[in-house]
C-alpha cells in the first residue's frame, strides 16, 4: 500500500478524527483550542488528531498571528486522498 493511502485511511479510521473533521463544515478555519473545545478534547489531543489529518491530506494549517488556523485541505495541495 502506498504511504499516502495508508495515511489517508489512518486519518479516517478514528471516530474522534471523524468528529474533528465535522467541525470544519462550511469551510471555516479553527485554532487547535477551538477544535479541542468543540470536541471536548485536551488541546494536545486535538493537535495530535489534526496532525494525523494533515498527514492524511484532509486538513492543512496556515499561520495567523503566530497561531495556526486549520482548514480543509485543497485538492492538489500536498498529499491528496487516493
PDB file of N, CA and C in Angstrom:
ATOM      1  N   UNK A   1       0.856  -1.182   0.000  1.00  0.00           N
ATOM      2  CA  UNK A   1       0.000   0.000   0.000  1.00  0.00           C
ATOM      3  C   UNK A   1       0.899   1.241   0.000  1.00  0.00           C
ATOM      4  N   UNK A   2       0.527   2.198  -0.794  1.00  0.00           N
ATOM      5  CA  UNK A   2       1.257   3.467  -0.852  1.00  0.00           C
ATOM      6  C   UNK A   2       1.189   4.178   0.497  1.00  0.00           C
ATOM      7  N   UNK A   3       2.270   4.839   0.927  1.00  0.00           N
ATOM      8  CA  UNK A   3       2.244   5.560   2.207  1.00  0.00           C
ATOM      9  C   UNK A   3       1.136   6.616   2.276  1.00  0.00           C
ATOM     10  N   UNK A   4       0.885   7.329   1.178  1.00  0.00           N
ATOM     11  CA  UNK A   4      -0.170   8.356   1.185  1.00  0.00           C
ATOM     12  C   UNK A   4      -1.541   7.728   1.406  1.00  0.00           C
ATOM     13  N   UNK A   5      -1.761   6.560   0.820  1.00  0.00           N
ATOM     14  CA  UNK A   5      -3.034   5.860   1.008  1.00  0.00           C
ATOM     15  C   UNK A   5      -3.184   5.403   2.449  1.00  0.00           C
ATOM     16  N   UNK A   6      -2.105   4.858   3.017  1.00  0.00           N
ATOM     17  CA  UNK A   6      -2.135   4.416   4.414  1.00  0.00           C
ATOM     18  C   UNK A   6      -2.405   5.593   5.349  1.00  0.00           C
ATOM     19  N   UNK A   7      -1.776   6.745   5.093  1.00  0.00           N
ATOM     20  CA  UNK A   7      -2.003   7.937   5.925  1.00  0.00           C
ATOM     21  C   UNK A   7      -3.449   8.403   5.827  1.00  0.00           C
ATOM     22  N   UNK A   8      -4.008   8.377   4.623  1.00  0.00           N
ATOM     23  CA  UNK A   8      -5.393   8.791   4.409  1.00  0.00           C
ATOM     24  C   UNK A   8      -6.348   7.882   5.183  1.00  0.00           C
ATOM     25  N   UNK A   9      -6.147   6.573   5.063  1.00  0.00           N
ATOM     26  CA  UNK A   9      -7.026   5.620   5.747  1.00  0.00           C
ATOM     27  C   UNK A   9      -6.888   5.720   7.262  1.00  0.00           C
ATOM     28  N   UNK A  10      -5.672   5.921   7.743  1.00  0.00           N
ATOM     29  CA  UNK A  10      -5.454   6.078   9.184  1.00  0.00           C
ATOM     30  C   UNK A  10      -6.184   7.321   9.695  1.00  0.00           C
ATOM     31  N   UNK A  11      -6.156   8.391   8.901  1.00  0.00           N
ATOM     32  CA  UNK A  11      -6.822   9.633   9.304  1.00  0.00           C
ATOM     33  C   UNK A  11      -8.322   9.428   9.478  1.00  0.00           C
ATOM     34  N   UNK A  12      -8.913   8.587   8.664  1.00  0.00           N
ATOM     35  CA  UNK A  12     -10.360   8.359   8.720  1.00  0.00           C
ATOM     36  C   UNK A  12     -10.773   7.248   9.678  1.00  0.00           C
ATOM     37  N   UNK A  13      -9.812   6.485  10.183  1.00  0.00           N
ATOM     38  CA  UNK A  13     -10.118   5.291  10.973  1.00  0.00           C
ATOM     39  C   UNK A  13     -10.628   5.576  12.381  1.00  0.00           C
ATOM     40  N   UNK A  14     -10.485   6.783  12.852  1.00  0.00           N
ATOM     41  CA  UNK A  14     -10.852   7.126  14.227  1.00  0.00           C
ATOM     42  C   UNK A  14     -12.173   7.899  14.270  1.00  0.00           C
ATOM     43  N   UNK A  15     -13.067   7.477  15.149  1.00  0.00           N
ATOM     44  CA  UNK A  15     -14.325   8.222  15.332  1.00  0.00           C
ATOM     45  C   UNK A  15     -14.054   9.639  15.818  1.00  0.00           C
ATOM     46  N   UNK A  16     -13.034   9.797  16.654  1.00  0.00           N
ATOM     47  CA  UNK A  16     -12.697  11.135  17.148  1.00  0.00           C
ATOM     48  C   UNK A  16     -12.241  12.021  15.997  1.00  0.00           C
ATOM     49  N   UNK A  17     -11.402  11.497  15.102  1.00  0.00           N
ATOM     50  CA  UNK A  17     -10.965  12.301  13.958  1.00  0.00           C
ATOM     51  C   UNK A  17     -12.132  12.604  13.027  1.00  0.00           C
ATOM     52  N   UNK A  18     -13.076  11.691  12.912  1.00  0.00           N
ATOM     53  CA  UNK A  18     -14.270  11.975  12.117  1.00  0.00           C
ATOM     54  C   UNK A  18     -15.051  13.134  12.735  1.00  0.00           C
ATOM     55  N   UNK A  19     -15.136  13.158  14.056  1.00  0.00           N
ATOM     56  CA  UNK A  19     -15.812  14.264  14.753  1.00  0.00           C
ATOM     57  C   UNK A  19     -15.057  15.573  14.523  1.00  0.00           C
ATOM     58  N   UNK A  20     -13.729  15.513  14.573  1.00  0.00           N
ATOM     59  CA  UNK A  20     -12.912  16.704  14.305  1.00  0.00           C
ATOM     60  C   UNK A  20     -13.187  17.198  12.887  1.00  0.00           C
ATOM     61  N   UNK A  21     -13.211  16.306  11.922  1.00  0.00           N
ATOM     62  CA  UNK A  21     -13.489  16.683  10.529  1.00  0.00           C
ATOM     63  C   UNK A  21     -14.820  17.418  10.394  1.00  0.00           C
ATOM     64  N   UNK A  22     -15.824  16.971  11.121  1.00  0.00           N
ATOM     65  CA  UNK A  22     -17.155  17.575  11.033  1.00  0.00           C
ATOM     66  C   UNK A  22     -17.165  19.026  11.504  1.00  0.00           C
ATOM     67  N   UNK A  23     -16.200  19.424  12.294  1.00  0.00           N
ATOM     68  CA  UNK A  23     -16.165  20.790  12.813  1.00  0.00           C
ATOM     69  C   UNK A  23     -15.848  21.812  11.726  1.00  0.00           C
ATOM     70  N   UNK A  24     -15.341  21.351  10.595  1.00  0.00           N
ATOM     71  CA  UNK A  24     -14.913  22.258   9.535  1.00  0.00           C
ATOM     72  C   UNK A  24     -15.955  22.424   8.431  1.00  0.00           C
ATOM     73  N   UNK A  25     -17.188  22.008   8.691  1.00  0.00           N
ATOM     74  CA  UNK A  25     -18.264  22.150   7.718  1.00  0.00           C
ATOM     75  C   UNK A  25     -18.432  23.622   7.350  1.00  0.00           C
ATOM     76  N   UNK A  26     -18.567  23.878   6.079  1.00  0.00           N
ATOM     77  CA  UNK A  26     -18.750  25.251   5.622  1.00  0.00           C
ATOM     78  C   UNK A  26     -17.454  25.985   5.361  1.00  0.00           C
ATOM     79  N   UNK A  27     -16.321  25.273   5.416  1.00  0.00           N
ATOM     80  CA  UNK A  27     -15.038  25.890   5.092  1.00  0.00           C
ATOM     81  C   UNK A  27     -14.472  26.806   6.160  1.00  0.00           C
ATOM     82  N   UNK A  28     -14.940  26.686   7.401  1.00  0.00           N
ATOM     83  CA  UNK A  28     -14.416  27.556   8.453  1.00  0.00           C
ATOM     84  C   UNK A  28     -13.002  27.141   8.844  1.00  0.00           C
ATOM     85  N   UNK A  29     -12.280  28.063   9.452  1.00  0.00           N
ATOM     86  CA  UNK A  29     -10.942  27.814   9.975  1.00  0.00           C
ATOM     87  C   UNK A  29     -11.010  27.867  11.491  1.00  0.00           C
ATOM     88  N   UNK A  30     -10.307  26.964  12.143  1.00  0.00           N
ATOM     89  CA  UNK A  30     -10.325  26.879  13.599  1.00  0.00           C
ATOM     90  C   UNK A  30      -8.918  26.726  14.145  1.00  0.00           C
ATOM     91  N   UNK A  31      -8.703  27.250  15.346  1.00  0.00           N
ATOM     92  CA  UNK A  31      -7.450  27.009  16.053  1.00  0.00           C
ATOM     93  C   UNK A  31      -7.534  25.651  16.745  1.00  0.00           C
ATOM     94  N   UNK A  32      -6.394  25.171  17.200  1.00  0.00           N
ATOM     95  CA  UNK A  32      -6.369  23.914  17.953  1.00  0.00           C
ATOM     96  C   UNK A  32      -7.269  24.025  19.179  1.00  0.00           C
ATOM     97  N   UNK A  33      -7.211  25.149  19.873  1.00  0.00           N
ATOM     98  CA  UNK A  33      -8.033  25.343  21.073  1.00  0.00           C
ATOM     99  C   UNK A  33      -9.520  25.284  20.750  1.00  0.00           C
ATOM    100  N   UNK A  34      -9.912  25.865  19.628  1.00  0.00           N
ATOM    101  CA  UNK A  34     -11.322  25.831  19.232  1.00  0.00           C
ATOM    102  C   UNK A  34     -11.768  24.409  18.899  1.00  0.00           C
ATOM    103  N   UNK A  35     -10.916  23.664  18.213  1.00  0.00           N
ATOM    104  CA  UNK A  35     -11.236  22.262  17.913  1.00  0.00           C
ATOM    105  C   UNK A  35     -11.359  21.477  19.213  1.00  0.00           C
ATOM    106  N   UNK A  36     -10.404  21.693  20.119  1.00  0.00           N
ATOM    107  CA  UNK A  36     -10.421  20.987  21.405  1.00  0.00           C
ATOM    108  C   UNK A  36     -11.713  21.272  22.158  1.00  0.00           C
ATOM    109  N   UNK A  37     -12.112  22.530  22.208  1.00  0.00           N
ATOM    110  CA  UNK A  37     -13.335  22.904  22.929  1.00  0.00           C
ATOM    111  C   UNK A  37     -14.575  22.281  22.289  1.00  0.00           C
ATOM    112  N   UNK A  38     -14.675  22.369  20.976  1.00  0.00           N
ATOM    113  CA  UNK A  38     -15.847  21.838  20.273  1.00  0.00           C
ATOM    114  C   UNK A  38     -15.971  20.321  20.402  1.00  0.00           C
ATOM    115  N   UNK A  39     -14.829  19.636  20.523  1.00  0.00           N
ATOM    116  CA  UNK A  39     -14.828  18.166  20.553  1.00  0.00           C
ATOM    117  C   UNK A  39     -14.592  17.603  21.947  1.00  0.00           C
ATOM    118  N   UNK A  40     -14.542  18.472  22.958  1.00  0.00           N
ATOM    119  CA  UNK A  40     -14.308  18.051  24.343  1.00  0.00           C
ATOM    120  C   UNK A  40     -13.009  17.244  24.468  1.00  0.00           C
ATOM    121  N   UNK A  41     -11.934  17.813  23.902  1.00  0.00           N
ATOM    122  CA  UNK A  41     -10.615  17.190  23.948  1.00  0.00           C
ATOM    123  C   UNK A  41      -9.624  18.125  24.624  1.00  0.00           C
ATOM    124  N   UNK A  42      -8.532  17.572  25.107  1.00  0.00           N
ATOM    125  CA  UNK A  42      -7.420  18.401  25.558  1.00  0.00           C
ATOM    126  C   UNK A  42      -6.774  18.998  24.310  1.00  0.00           C
ATOM    127  N   UNK A  43      -6.230  20.213  24.408  1.00  0.00           N
ATOM    128  CA  UNK A  43      -5.575  20.799  23.234  1.00  0.00           C
ATOM    129  C   UNK A  43      -4.474  19.910  22.644  1.00  0.00           C
ATOM    130  N   UNK A  44      -3.714  19.231  23.492  1.00  0.00           N
ATOM    131  CA  UNK A  44      -2.655  18.357  22.973  1.00  0.00           C
ATOM    132  C   UNK A  44      -3.236  17.189  22.174  1.00  0.00           C
ATOM    133  N   UNK A  45      -4.370  16.678  22.609  1.00  0.00           N
ATOM    134  CA  UNK A  45      -5.033  15.586  21.889  1.00  0.00           C
ATOM    135  C   UNK A  45      -5.597  16.086  20.564  1.00  0.00           C
ATOM    136  N   UNK A  46      -6.211  17.258  20.581  1.00  0.00           N
ATOM    137  CA  UNK A  46      -6.735  17.846  19.346  1.00  0.00           C
ATOM    138  C   UNK A  46      -5.602  18.087  18.354  1.00  0.00           C
ATOM    139  N   UNK A  47      -4.475  18.559  18.843  1.00  0.00           N
ATOM    140  CA  UNK A  47      -3.318  18.806  17.986  1.00  0.00           C
ATOM    141  C   UNK A  47      -2.829  17.523  17.325  1.00  0.00           C
ATOM    142  N   UNK A  48      -2.780  16.446  18.078  1.00  0.00           N
ATOM    143  CA  UNK A  48      -2.354  15.155  17.525  1.00  0.00           C
ATOM    144  C   UNK A  48      -3.318  14.687  16.436  1.00  0.00           C
ATOM    145  N   UNK A  49      -4.612  14.815  16.674  1.00  0.00           N
ATOM    146  CA  UNK A  49      -5.593  14.415  15.663  1.00  0.00           C
ATOM    147  C   UNK A  49      -5.469  15.283  14.409  1.00  0.00           C
ATOM    148  N   UNK A  50      -5.274  16.579  14.578  1.00  0.00           N
ATOM    149  CA  UNK A  50      -5.110  17.466  13.426  1.00  0.00           C
ATOM    150  C   UNK A  50      -3.849  17.119  12.637  1.00  0.00           C
ATOM    151  N   UNK A  51      -2.790  16.745  13.340  1.00  0.00           N
ATOM    152  CA  UNK A  51      -1.554  16.342  12.658  1.00  0.00           C
ATOM    153  C   UNK A  51      -1.773  15.094  11.807  1.00  0.00           C
ATOM    154  N   UNK A  52      -2.515  14.135  12.347  1.00  0.00           N
ATOM    155  CA  UNK A  52      -2.813  12.923  11.578  1.00  0.00           C
ATOM    156  C   UNK A  52      -3.713  13.237  10.381  1.00  0.00           C
ATOM    157  N   UNK A  53      -4.640  14.162  10.553  1.00  0.00           N
ATOM    158  CA  UNK A  53      -5.492  14.575   9.437  1.00  0.00           C
ATOM    159  C   UNK A  53      -4.676  15.306   8.372  1.00  0.00           C
ATOM    160  N   UNK A  54      -3.680  16.078   8.800  1.00  0.00           N
ATOM    161  CA  UNK A  54      -2.797  16.751   7.841  1.00  0.00           C
ATOM    162  C   UNK A  54      -2.000  15.715   7.055  1.00  0.00           C
ATOM    163  N   UNK A  55      -1.426  14.729   7.753  1.00  0.00           N
ATOM    164  CA  UNK A  55      -0.673  13.672   7.073  1.00  0.00           C
ATOM    165  C   UNK A  55      -1.543  12.912   6.080  1.00  0.00           C
ATOM    166  N   UNK A  56      -2.822  12.792   6.398  1.00  0.00           N
ATOM    167  CA  UNK A  56      -3.754  12.112   5.505  1.00  0.00           C
ATOM    168  C   UNK A  56      -4.262  12.982   4.367  1.00  0.00           C
ATOM    169  N   UNK A  57      -3.848  14.245   4.339  1.00  0.00           N
ATOM    170  CA  UNK A  57      -4.238  15.149   3.266  1.00  0.00           C
ATOM    171  C   UNK A  57      -5.617  15.761   3.421  1.00  0.00           C
ATOM    172  N   UNK A  58      -6.167  15.720   4.641  1.00  0.00           N
ATOM    173  CA  UNK A  58      -7.536  16.196   4.857  1.00  0.00           C
ATOM    174  C   UNK A  58      -7.627  17.581   5.489  1.00  0.00           C
ATOM    175  N   UNK A  59      -6.614  18.004   6.172  1.00  0.00           N
ATOM    176  CA  UNK A  59      -6.590  19.330   6.802  1.00  0.00           C
ATOM    177  C   UNK A  59      -5.221  19.947   6.574  1.00  0.00           C
ATOM    178  N   UNK A  60      -5.186  21.271   6.571  1.00  0.00           N
ATOM    179  CA  UNK A  60      -3.925  21.978   6.401  1.00  0.00           C
ATOM    180  C   UNK A  60      -3.928  23.217   7.295  1.00  0.00           C
ATOM    181  N   UNK A  61      -2.789  23.536   7.898  1.00  0.00           N
ATOM    182  CA  UNK A  61      -2.733  24.744   8.723  1.00  0.00           C
ATOM    183  C   UNK A  61      -2.227  25.941   7.919  1.00  0.00           C
ATOM    184  N   UNK A  62      -2.596  27.125   8.347  1.00  0.00           N
ATOM    185  CA  UNK A  62      -1.983  28.360   7.858  1.00  0.00           C
ATOM    186  C   UNK A  62      -1.787  29.243   9.073  1.00  0.00           C
ATOM    187  N   UNK A  63      -0.769  30.053   9.052  1.00  0.00           N
ATOM    188  CA  UNK A  63      -0.422  30.885  10.208  1.00  0.00           C
ATOM    189  C   UNK A  63      -1.183  32.204  10.196  1.00  0.00           C
ATOM    190  N   UNK A  64      -1.651  32.590  11.383  1.00  0.00           N
ATOM    191  CA  UNK A  64      -2.221  33.915  11.600  1.00  0.00           C
ATOM    192  C   UNK A  64      -1.781  34.348  12.985  1.00  0.00           C
ATOM    193  N   UNK A  65      -1.045  35.419  13.064  1.00  0.00           N
ATOM    194  CA  UNK A  65      -0.562  35.932  14.349  1.00  0.00           C
ATOM    195  C   UNK A  65       0.164  34.844  15.137  1.00  0.00           C
ATOM    196  N   UNK A  66       1.035  34.104  14.459  1.00  0.00           N
ATOM    197  CA  UNK A  66       1.868  33.052  15.057  1.00  0.00           C
ATOM    198  C   UNK A  66       1.073  31.838  15.528  1.00  0.00           C
ATOM    199  N   UNK A  67      -0.226  31.799  15.240  1.00  0.00           N
ATOM    200  CA  UNK A  67      -1.046  30.631  15.602  1.00  0.00           C
ATOM    201  C   UNK A  67      -1.542  29.975  14.325  1.00  0.00           C
ATOM    202  N   UNK A  68      -1.468  28.651  14.272  1.00  0.00           N
ATOM    203  CA  UNK A  68      -2.012  28.004  13.077  1.00  0.00           C
ATOM    204  C   UNK A  68      -3.537  27.961  13.111  1.00  0.00           C
ATOM    205  N   UNK A  69      -4.120  28.280  11.989  1.00  0.00           N
ATOM    206  CA  UNK A  69      -5.555  28.095  11.774  1.00  0.00           C
ATOM    207  C   UNK A  69      -5.687  26.884  10.868  1.00  0.00           C
ATOM    208  N   UNK A  70      -6.519  25.954  11.256  1.00  0.00           N
ATOM    209  CA  UNK A  70      -6.700  24.733  10.479  1.00  0.00           C
ATOM    210  C   UNK A  70      -7.906  24.879   9.576  1.00  0.00           C
ATOM    211  N   UNK A  71      -7.808  24.292   8.384  1.00  0.00           N
ATOM    212  CA  UNK A  71      -8.887  24.362   7.403  1.00  0.00           C
ATOM    213  C   UNK A  71      -8.864  23.102   6.543  1.00  0.00           C
ATOM    214  N   UNK A  72      -9.871  22.967   5.703  1.00  0.00           N
ATOM    215  CA  UNK A  72      -9.937  21.843   4.780  1.00  0.00           C
ATOM    216  C   UNK A  72      -8.809  21.970   3.775  1.00  0.00           C
ATOM    217  N   UNK A  73      -8.100  20.877   3.536  1.00  0.00           N
ATOM    218  CA  UNK A  73      -7.022  20.880   2.549  1.00  0.00           C
ATOM    219  C   UNK A  73      -7.616  21.001   1.154  1.00  0.00           C
ATOM    220  N   UNK A  74      -6.963  21.800   0.318  1.00  0.00           N
ATOM    221  CA  UNK A  74      -7.411  21.950  -1.062  1.00  0.00           C
ATOM    222  C   UNK A  74      -6.854  20.812  -1.896  1.00  0.00           C
ATOM    223  N   UNK A  75      -7.622  20.373  -2.855  1.00  0.00           N
ATOM    224  CA  UNK A  75      -7.152  19.322  -3.763  1.00  0.00           C
ATOM    225  C   UNK A  75      -5.883  19.798  -4.458  1.00  0.00           C
ATOM    226  N   UNK A  76      -4.895  18.923  -4.492  1.00  0.00           N
ATOM    227  CA  UNK A  76      -3.644  19.265  -5.150  1.00  0.00           C
ATOM    228  C   UNK A  76      -2.631  19.936  -4.249  1.00  0.00           C
ATOM    229  N   UNK A  77      -2.968  20.201  -2.992  1.00  0.00           N
ATOM    230  CA  UNK A  77      -2.008  20.818  -2.077  1.00  0.00           C
ATOM    231  C   UNK A  77      -1.441  19.742  -1.165  1.00  0.00           C
ATOM    232  N   UNK A  78      -0.216  19.382  -1.383  1.00  0.00           N
ATOM    233  CA  UNK A  78       0.393  18.335  -0.568  1.00  0.00           C
ATOM    234  C   UNK A  78      -0.187  16.988  -0.922  1.00  0.00           C
ATOM    235  N   UNK A  79      -0.356  16.158   0.067  1.00  0.00           N
ATOM    236  CA  UNK A  79      -0.929  14.830  -0.165  1.00  0.00           C
ATOM    237  C   UNK A  79      -2.423  14.956  -0.365  1.00  0.00           C
ATOM    238  N   UNK A  80      -2.919  14.185  -1.275  1.00  0.00           N
ATOM    239  CA  UNK A  80      -4.359  14.190  -1.507  1.00  0.00           C
ATOM    240  C   UNK A  80      -4.906  12.796  -1.311  1.00  0.00           C
ATOM    241  N   UNK A  81      -6.171  12.716  -1.153  1.00  0.00           N
ATOM    242  CA  UNK A  81      -6.826  11.424  -0.941  1.00  0.00           C
ATOM    243  C   UNK A  81      -6.639  10.546  -2.166  1.00  0.00           C
ATOM    244  N   UNK A  82      -6.519   9.242  -1.948  1.00  0.00           N
ATOM    245  CA  UNK A  82      -6.344   8.324  -3.083  1.00  0.00           C
ATOM    246  C   UNK A  82      -7.600   8.244  -3.929  1.00  0.00           C
TER     247      UNK A  82
END
